[in-house]
Amino acid sequence: MEEKLWVVNHHEQNPKISQAKIGLDFSAKFKRPISRQCVCNIIQQKEEIKTFVEADPELEIKKKQEIRKRK
């Protein structure tokens, strides 16, 4: 979810860059590839992503704690 939110925020801060450039920036930051189509889908779903993150801002912390408990 953090990565999707980064894509959405990067697109909002730089509205004139292409989706392919967002994909390259993502790959440089997170060290994993992402397709232009995936970037497009994330941008189209940005409202749902923002709503989901705002509903539970500690979501990532909870997921990490749950994974640690399983190990």
PDB file of N, CA and C in Angstrom:
ATOM      1  N   MET A   1       0.824  -1.183   0.000  1.00  0.00           N
ATOM      2  CA  MET A   1       0.000   0.000   0.000  1.00  0.00           C
ATOM      3  C   MET A   1       0.876   1.258   0.000  1.00  0.00           C
ATOM      4  N   GLU A   2       1.998   1.183   0.692  1.00  0.00           N
ATOM      5  CA  GLU A   2       2.925   2.320   0.714  1.00  0.00           C
ATOM      6  C   GLU A   2       3.419   2.647  -0.693  1.00  0.00           C
ATOM      7  N   GLU A   3       3.686   1.618  -1.468  1.00  0.00           N
ATOM      8  CA  GLU A   3       4.184   1.829  -2.827  1.00  0.00           C
ATOM      9  C   GLU A   3       3.109   2.436  -3.717  1.00  0.00           C
ATOM     10  N   LYS A   4       1.890   1.971  -3.580  1.00  0.00           N
ATOM     11  CA  LYS A   4       0.791   2.543  -4.366  1.00  0.00           C
ATOM     12  C   LYS A   4       0.578   4.004  -4.001  1.00  0.00           C
ATOM     13  N   LEU A   5       0.640   4.292  -2.726  1.00  0.00           N
ATOM     14  CA  LEU A   5       0.467   5.672  -2.280  1.00  0.00           C
ATOM     15  C   LEU A   5       1.594   6.547  -2.809  1.00  0.00           C
ATOM     16  N   TRP A   6       2.801   6.007  -2.881  1.00  0.00           N
ATOM     17  CA  TRP A   6       3.921   6.768  -3.438  1.00  0.00           C
ATOM     18  C   TRP A   6       3.659   7.100  -4.905  1.00  0.00           C
ATOM     19  N   VAL A   7       3.155   6.128  -5.674  1.00  0.00           N
ATOM     20  CA  VAL A   7       2.846   6.360  -7.089  1.00  0.00           C
ATOM     21  C   VAL A   7       1.801   7.467  -7.225  1.00  0.00           C
ATOM     22  N   VAL A   8       0.754   7.408  -6.421  1.00  0.00           N
ATOM     23  CA  VAL A   8      -0.307   8.419  -6.474  1.00  0.00           C
ATOM     24  C   VAL A   8       0.250   9.798  -6.129  1.00  0.00           C
ATOM     25  N   ASN A   9       1.016   9.886  -5.060  1.00  0.00           N
ATOM     26  CA  ASN A   9       1.578  11.172  -4.649  1.00  0.00           C
ATOM     27  C   ASN A   9       2.575  11.709  -5.680  1.00  0.00           C
ATOM     28  N   HIS A  10       3.369  10.834  -6.259  1.00  0.00           N
ATOM     29  CA  HIS A  10       4.348  11.246  -7.270  1.00  0.00           C
ATOM     30  C   HIS A  10       3.627  11.798  -8.503  1.00  0.00           C
ATOM     31  N   HIS A  11       2.533  11.168  -8.863  1.00  0.00           N
ATOM     32  CA  HIS A  11       1.749  11.630 -10.017  1.00  0.00           C
ATOM     33  C   HIS A  11       1.115  12.989  -9.729  1.00  0.00           C
ATOM     34  N   GLU A  12       0.621  13.182  -8.519  1.00  0.00           N
ATOM     35  CA  GLU A  12      -0.008  14.463  -8.161  1.00  0.00           C
ATOM     36  C   GLU A  12       1.017  15.590  -8.073  1.00  0.00           C
ATOM     37  N   GLN A  13       2.207  15.290  -7.602  1.00  0.00           N
ATOM     38  CA  GLN A  13       3.244  16.308  -7.482  1.00  0.00           C
ATOM     39  C   GLN A  13       3.846  16.666  -8.832  1.00  0.00           C
ATOM     40  N   ASN A  14       3.818  15.726  -9.773  1.00  0.00           N
ATOM     41  CA  ASN A  14       4.405  15.930 -11.102  1.00  0.00           C
ATOM     42  C   ASN A  14       3.384  15.519 -12.164  1.00  0.00           C
ATOM     43  N   PRO A  15       2.345  16.299 -12.358  1.00  0.00           N
ATOM     44  CA  PRO A  15       1.262  15.879 -13.266  1.00  0.00           C
ATOM     45  C   PRO A  15       1.660  15.809 -14.739  1.00  0.00           C
ATOM     46  N   LYS A  16       2.754  16.419 -15.115  1.00  0.00           N
ATOM     47  CA  LYS A  16       3.135  16.444 -16.532  1.00  0.00           C
ATOM     48  C   LYS A  16       4.053  15.301 -16.945  1.00  0.00           C
ATOM     49  N   ILE A  17       4.572  14.509 -15.992  1.00  0.00           N
ATOM     50  CA  ILE A  17       5.447  13.405 -16.390  1.00  0.00           C
ATOM     51  C   ILE A  17       4.594  12.212 -16.826  1.00  0.00           C
ATOM     52  N   SER A  18       5.180  11.387 -17.672  1.00  0.00           N
ATOM     53  CA  SER A  18       4.446  10.247 -18.219  1.00  0.00           C
ATOM     54  C   SER A  18       4.377   9.099 -17.209  1.00  0.00           C
ATOM     55  N   GLN A  19       3.479   8.174 -17.495  1.00  0.00           N
ATOM     56  CA  GLN A  19       3.344   7.007 -16.636  1.00  0.00           C
ATOM     57  C   GLN A  19       4.590   6.127 -16.729  1.00  0.00           C
ATOM     58  N   ALA A  20       5.206   6.105 -17.882  1.00  0.00           N
ATOM     59  CA  ALA A  20       6.449   5.334 -18.030  1.00  0.00           C
ATOM     60  C   ALA A  20       7.553   5.922 -17.149  1.00  0.00           C
ATOM     61  N   LYS A  21       7.633   7.243 -17.071  1.00  0.00           N
ATOM     62  CA  LYS A  21       8.632   7.905 -16.223  1.00  0.00           C
ATOM     63  C   LYS A  21       8.340   7.628 -14.749  1.00  0.00           C
ATOM     64  N   ILE A  22       7.068   7.611 -14.380  1.00  0.00           N
ATOM     65  CA  ILE A  22       6.705   7.263 -12.994  1.00  0.00           C
ATOM     66  C   ILE A  22       7.178   5.840 -12.697  1.00  0.00           C
ATOM     67  N   GLY A  23       7.006   4.945 -13.662  1.00  0.00           N
ATOM     68  CA  GLY A  23       7.475   3.564 -13.497  1.00  0.00           C
ATOM     69  C   GLY A  23       8.978   3.488 -13.307  1.00  0.00           C
ATOM     70  N   LEU A  24       9.721   4.289 -14.062  1.00  0.00           N
ATOM     71  CA  LEU A  24      11.183   4.314 -13.907  1.00  0.00           C
ATOM     72  C   LEU A  24      11.585   4.865 -12.543  1.00  0.00           C
ATOM     73  N   ASP A  25      10.923   5.923 -12.110  1.00  0.00           N
ATOM     74  CA  ASP A  25      11.208   6.497 -10.795  1.00  0.00           C
ATOM     75  C   ASP A  25      10.889   5.490  -9.692  1.00  0.00           C
ATOM     76  N   PHE A  26       9.778   4.777  -9.852  1.00  0.00           N
ATOM     77  CA  PHE A  26       9.392   3.754  -8.886  1.00  0.00           C
ATOM     78  C   PHE A  26      10.465   2.670  -8.806  1.00  0.00           C
ATOM     79  N   SER A  27      10.915   2.213  -9.964  1.00  0.00           N
ATOM     80  CA  SER A  27      11.937   1.162 -10.007  1.00  0.00           C
ATOM     81  C   SER A  27      13.231   1.614  -9.338  1.00  0.00           C
ATOM     82  N   ALA A  28      13.579   2.869  -9.528  1.00  0.00           N
ATOM     83  CA  ALA A  28      14.795   3.391  -8.911  1.00  0.00           C
ATOM     84  C   ALA A  28      14.643   3.484  -7.395  1.00  0.00           C
ATOM     85  N   LYS A  29      13.478   3.858  -6.927  1.00  0.00           N
ATOM     86  CA  LYS A  29      13.271   4.037  -5.494  1.00  0.00           C
ATOM     87  C   LYS A  29      13.089   2.701  -4.757  1.00  0.00           C
ATOM     88  N   PHE A  30      12.243   1.828  -5.298  1.00  0.00           N
ATOM     89  CA  PHE A  30      11.882   0.598  -4.592  1.00  0.00           C
ATOM     90  C   PHE A  30      12.648  -0.642  -5.063  1.00  0.00           C
ATOM     91  N   LYS A  31      13.538  -0.467  -6.041  1.00  0.00           N
ATOM     92  CA  LYS A  31      14.392  -1.555  -6.528  1.00  0.00           C
ATOM     93  C   LYS A  31      13.595  -2.754  -7.049  1.00  0.00           C
ATOM     94  N   ARG A  32      12.459  -2.485  -7.705  1.00  0.00           N
ATOM     95  CA  ARG A  32      11.687  -3.539  -8.354  1.00  0.00           C
ATOM     96  C   ARG A  32      10.915  -2.941  -9.517  1.00  0.00           C
ATOM     97  N   PRO A  33      10.721  -3.718 -10.556  1.00  0.00           N
ATOM     98  CA  PRO A  33      10.080  -3.172 -11.757  1.00  0.00           C
ATOM     99  C   PRO A  33       8.573  -3.004 -11.589  1.00  0.00           C
ATOM    100  N   ILE A  34       8.025  -2.102 -12.387  1.00  0.00           N
ATOM    101  CA  ILE A  34       6.581  -1.893 -12.433  1.00  0.00           C
ATOM    102  C   ILE A  34       6.243  -1.501 -13.867  1.00  0.00           C
ATOM    103  N   SER A  35       5.160  -2.036 -14.376  1.00  0.00           N
ATOM    104  CA  SER A  35       4.788  -1.751 -15.760  1.00  0.00           C
ATOM    105  C   SER A  35       4.006  -0.442 -15.854  1.00  0.00           C
ATOM    106  N   ARG A  36       3.962   0.114 -17.047  1.00  0.00           N
ATOM    107  CA  ARG A  36       3.199   1.327 -17.279  1.00  0.00           C
ATOM    108  C   ARG A  36       1.714   1.068 -17.034  1.00  0.00           C
ATOM    109  N   GLN A  37       1.249  -0.128 -17.401  1.00  0.00           N
ATOM    110  CA  GLN A  37      -0.156  -0.481 -17.196  1.00  0.00           C
ATOM    111  C   GLN A  37      -0.499  -0.527 -15.702  1.00  0.00           C
ATOM    112  N   CYS A  38       0.409  -1.024 -14.907  1.00  0.00           N
ATOM    113  CA  CYS A  38       0.188  -1.071 -13.457  1.00  0.00           C
ATOM    114  C   CYS A  38       0.116   0.347 -12.890  1.00  0.00           C
ATOM    115  N   VAL A  39       0.998   1.223 -13.351  1.00  0.00           N
ATOM    116  CA  VAL A  39       0.967   2.628 -12.926  1.00  0.00           C
ATOM    117  C   VAL A  39      -0.367   3.246 -13.315  1.00  0.00           C
ATOM    118  N   CYS A  40      -0.826   2.962 -14.522  1.00  0.00           N
ATOM    119  CA  CYS A  40      -2.101   3.483 -14.999  1.00  0.00           C
ATOM    120  C   CYS A  40      -3.251   3.019 -14.101  1.00  0.00           C
ATOM    121  N   ASN A  41      -3.256   1.741 -13.745  1.00  0.00           N
ATOM    122  CA  ASN A  41      -4.306   1.200 -12.876  1.00  0.00           C
ATOM    123  C   ASN A  41      -4.280   1.849 -11.499  1.00  0.00           C
ATOM    124  N   ILE A  42      -3.102   2.050 -10.958  1.00  0.00           N
ATOM    125  CA  ILE A  42      -2.976   2.682  -9.643  1.00  0.00           C
ATOM    126  C   ILE A  42      -3.501   4.111  -9.692  1.00  0.00           C
ATOM    127  N   ILE A  43      -3.165   4.846 -10.738  1.00  0.00           N
ATOM    128  CA  ILE A  43      -3.620   6.227 -10.860  1.00  0.00           C
ATOM    129  C   ILE A  43      -5.136   6.280 -11.012  1.00  0.00           C
ATOM    130  N   GLN A  44      -5.712   5.341 -11.733  1.00  0.00           N
ATOM    131  CA  GLN A  44      -7.161   5.304 -11.892  1.00  0.00           C
ATOM    132  C   GLN A  44      -7.866   4.988 -10.573  1.00  0.00           C
ATOM    133  N   GLN A  45      -7.207   4.245  -9.693  1.00  0.00           N
ATOM    134  CA  GLN A  45      -7.800   3.860  -8.419  1.00  0.00           C
ATOM    135  C   GLN A  45      -7.320   4.719  -7.258  1.00  0.00           C
ATOM    136  N   LYS A  46      -6.807   5.901  -7.551  1.00  0.00           N
ATOM    137  CA  LYS A  46      -6.181   6.712  -6.510  1.00  0.00           C
ATOM    138  C   LYS A  46      -7.146   7.105  -5.395  1.00  0.00           C
ATOM    139  N   GLU A  47      -8.396   7.352  -5.708  1.00  0.00           N
ATOM    140  CA  GLU A  47      -9.353   7.729  -4.674  1.00  0.00           C
ATOM    141  C   GLU A  47      -9.583   6.583  -3.686  1.00  0.00           C
ATOM    142  N   GLU A  48      -9.719   5.374  -4.200  1.00  0.00           N
ATOM    143  CA  GLU A  48      -9.901   4.209  -3.316  1.00  0.00           C
ATOM    144  C   GLU A  48      -8.663   3.986  -2.450  1.00  0.00           C
ATOM    145  N   ILE A  49      -7.496   4.161  -3.036  1.00  0.00           N
ATOM    146  CA  ILE A  49      -6.243   3.976  -2.300  1.00  0.00           C
ATOM    147  C   ILE A  49      -6.132   4.995  -1.176  1.00  0.00           C
ATOM    148  N   LYS A  50      -6.406   6.254  -1.483  1.00  0.00           N
ATOM    149  CA  LYS A  50      -6.326   7.299  -0.458  1.00  0.00           C
ATOM    150  C   LYS A  50      -7.341   7.060   0.648  1.00  0.00           C
ATOM    151  N   THR A  51      -8.550   6.668   0.284  1.00  0.00           N
ATOM    152  CA  THR A  51      -9.583   6.397   1.276  1.00  0.00           C
ATOM    153  C   THR A  51      -9.161   5.254   2.182  1.00  0.00           C
ATOM    154  N   PHE A  52      -8.592   4.206   1.599  1.00  0.00           N
ATOM    155  CA  PHE A  52      -8.162   3.046   2.363  1.00  0.00           C
ATOM    156  C   PHE A  52      -7.062   3.411   3.345  1.00  0.00           C
ATOM    157  N   VAL A  53      -6.100   4.191   2.901  1.00  0.00           N
ATOM    158  CA  VAL A  53      -4.980   4.585   3.756  1.00  0.00           C
ATOM    159  C   VAL A  53      -5.451   5.537   4.854  1.00  0.00           C
ATOM    160  N   GLU A  54      -6.320   6.471   4.520  1.00  0.00           N
ATOM    161  CA  GLU A  54      -6.824   7.413   5.517  1.00  0.00           C
ATOM    162  C   GLU A  54      -7.687   6.727   6.566  1.00  0.00           C
ATOM    163  N   ALA A  55      -8.360   5.650   6.190  1.00  0.00           N
ATOM    164  CA  ALA A  55      -9.216   4.933   7.127  1.00  0.00           C
ATOM    165  C   ALA A  55      -8.406   4.294   8.250  1.00  0.00           C
ATOM    166  N   ASP A  56      -7.198   3.859   7.944  1.00  0.00           N
ATOM    167  CA  ASP A  56      -6.351   3.202   8.937  1.00  0.00           C
ATOM    168  C   ASP A  56      -4.889   3.573   8.699  1.00  0.00           C
ATOM    169  N   PRO A  57      -4.432   4.701   9.238  1.00  0.00           N
ATOM    170  CA  PRO A  57      -3.056   5.145   8.980  1.00  0.00           C
ATOM    171  C   PRO A  57      -1.994   4.224   9.559  1.00  0.00           C
ATOM    172  N   GLU A  58      -2.342   3.374  10.503  1.00  0.00           N
ATOM    173  CA  GLU A  58      -1.371   2.472  11.098  1.00  0.00           C
ATOM    174  C   GLU A  58      -1.413   1.092  10.449  1.00  0.00           C
ATOM    175  N   LEU A  59      -2.006   1.015   9.275  1.00  0.00           N
ATOM    176  CA  LEU A  59      -2.180  -0.258   8.590  1.00  0.00           C
ATOM    177  C   LEU A  59      -0.858  -0.967   8.367  1.00  0.00           C
ATOM    178  N   GLU A  60       0.148  -0.266   7.891  1.00  0.00           N
ATOM    179  CA  GLU A  60       1.439  -0.888   7.611  1.00  0.00           C
ATOM    180  C   GLU A  60       2.098  -1.398   8.888  1.00  0.00           C
ATOM    181  N   ILE A  61       1.987  -0.641   9.950  1.00  0.00           N
ATOM    182  CA  ILE A  61       2.580  -1.062  11.224  1.00  0.00           C
ATOM    183  C   ILE A  61       1.912  -2.343  11.708  1.00  0.00           C
ATOM    184  N   LYS A  62       0.593  -2.413  11.584  1.00  0.00           N
ATOM    185  CA  LYS A  62      -0.140  -3.598  12.019  1.00  0.00           C
ATOM    186  C   LYS A  62       0.259  -4.818  11.193  1.00  0.00           C
ATOM    187  N   LYS A  63       0.422  -4.643   9.883  1.00  0.00           N
ATOM    188  CA  LYS A  63       0.816  -5.757   9.032  1.00  0.00           C
ATOM    189  C   LYS A  63       2.194  -6.268   9.421  1.00  0.00           C
ATOM    190  N   LYS A  64       3.126  -5.352   9.678  1.00  0.00           N
ATOM    191  CA  LYS A  64       4.483  -5.752  10.043  1.00  0.00           C
ATOM    192  C   LYS A  64       4.487  -6.506  11.369  1.00  0.00           C
ATOM    193  N   GLN A  65       3.680  -6.040  12.331  1.00  0.00           N
ATOM    194  CA  GLN A  65       3.620  -6.704  13.621  1.00  0.00           C
ATOM    195  C   GLN A  65       3.013  -8.099  13.479  1.00  0.00           C
ATOM    196  N   GLU A  66       2.016  -8.230  12.625  1.00  0.00           N
ATOM    197  CA  GLU A  66       1.380  -9.525  12.412  1.00  0.00           C
ATOM    198  C   GLU A  66       2.358 -10.507  11.780  1.00  0.00           C
ATOM    199  N   ILE A  67       3.150 -10.052  10.848  1.00  0.00           N
ATOM    200  CA  ILE A  67       4.129 -10.921  10.198  1.00  0.00           C
ATOM    201  C   ILE A  67       5.179 -11.370  11.201  1.00  0.00           C
ATOM    202  N   ARG A  68       5.612 -10.467  12.068  1.00  0.00           N
ATOM    203  CA  ARG A  68       6.609 -10.830  13.092  1.00  0.00           C
ATOM    204  C   ARG A  68       6.050 -11.866  14.049  1.00  0.00           C
ATOM    205  N   LYS A  69       4.764 -11.749  14.400  1.00  0.00           N
ATOM    206  CA  LYS A  69       4.150 -12.715  15.321  1.00  0.00           C
ATOM    207  C   LYS A  69       4.090 -14.106  14.707  1.00  0.00           C
ATOM    208  N   ARG A  70       3.861 -14.170  13.395  1.00  0.00           N
ATOM    209  CA  ARG A  70       3.785 -15.464  12.717  1.00  0.00           C
ATOM    210  C   ARG A  70       5.127 -16.168  12.708  1.00  0.00           C
ATOM    211  N   LYS A  71       6.215 -15.388  12.614  1.00  0.00           N
ATOM    212  CA  LYS A  71       7.547 -15.993  12.582  1.00  0.00           C
ATOM    213  C   LYS A  71       7.910 -16.425  13.967  1.00  0.00           C
TER     214      LYS A  71
END
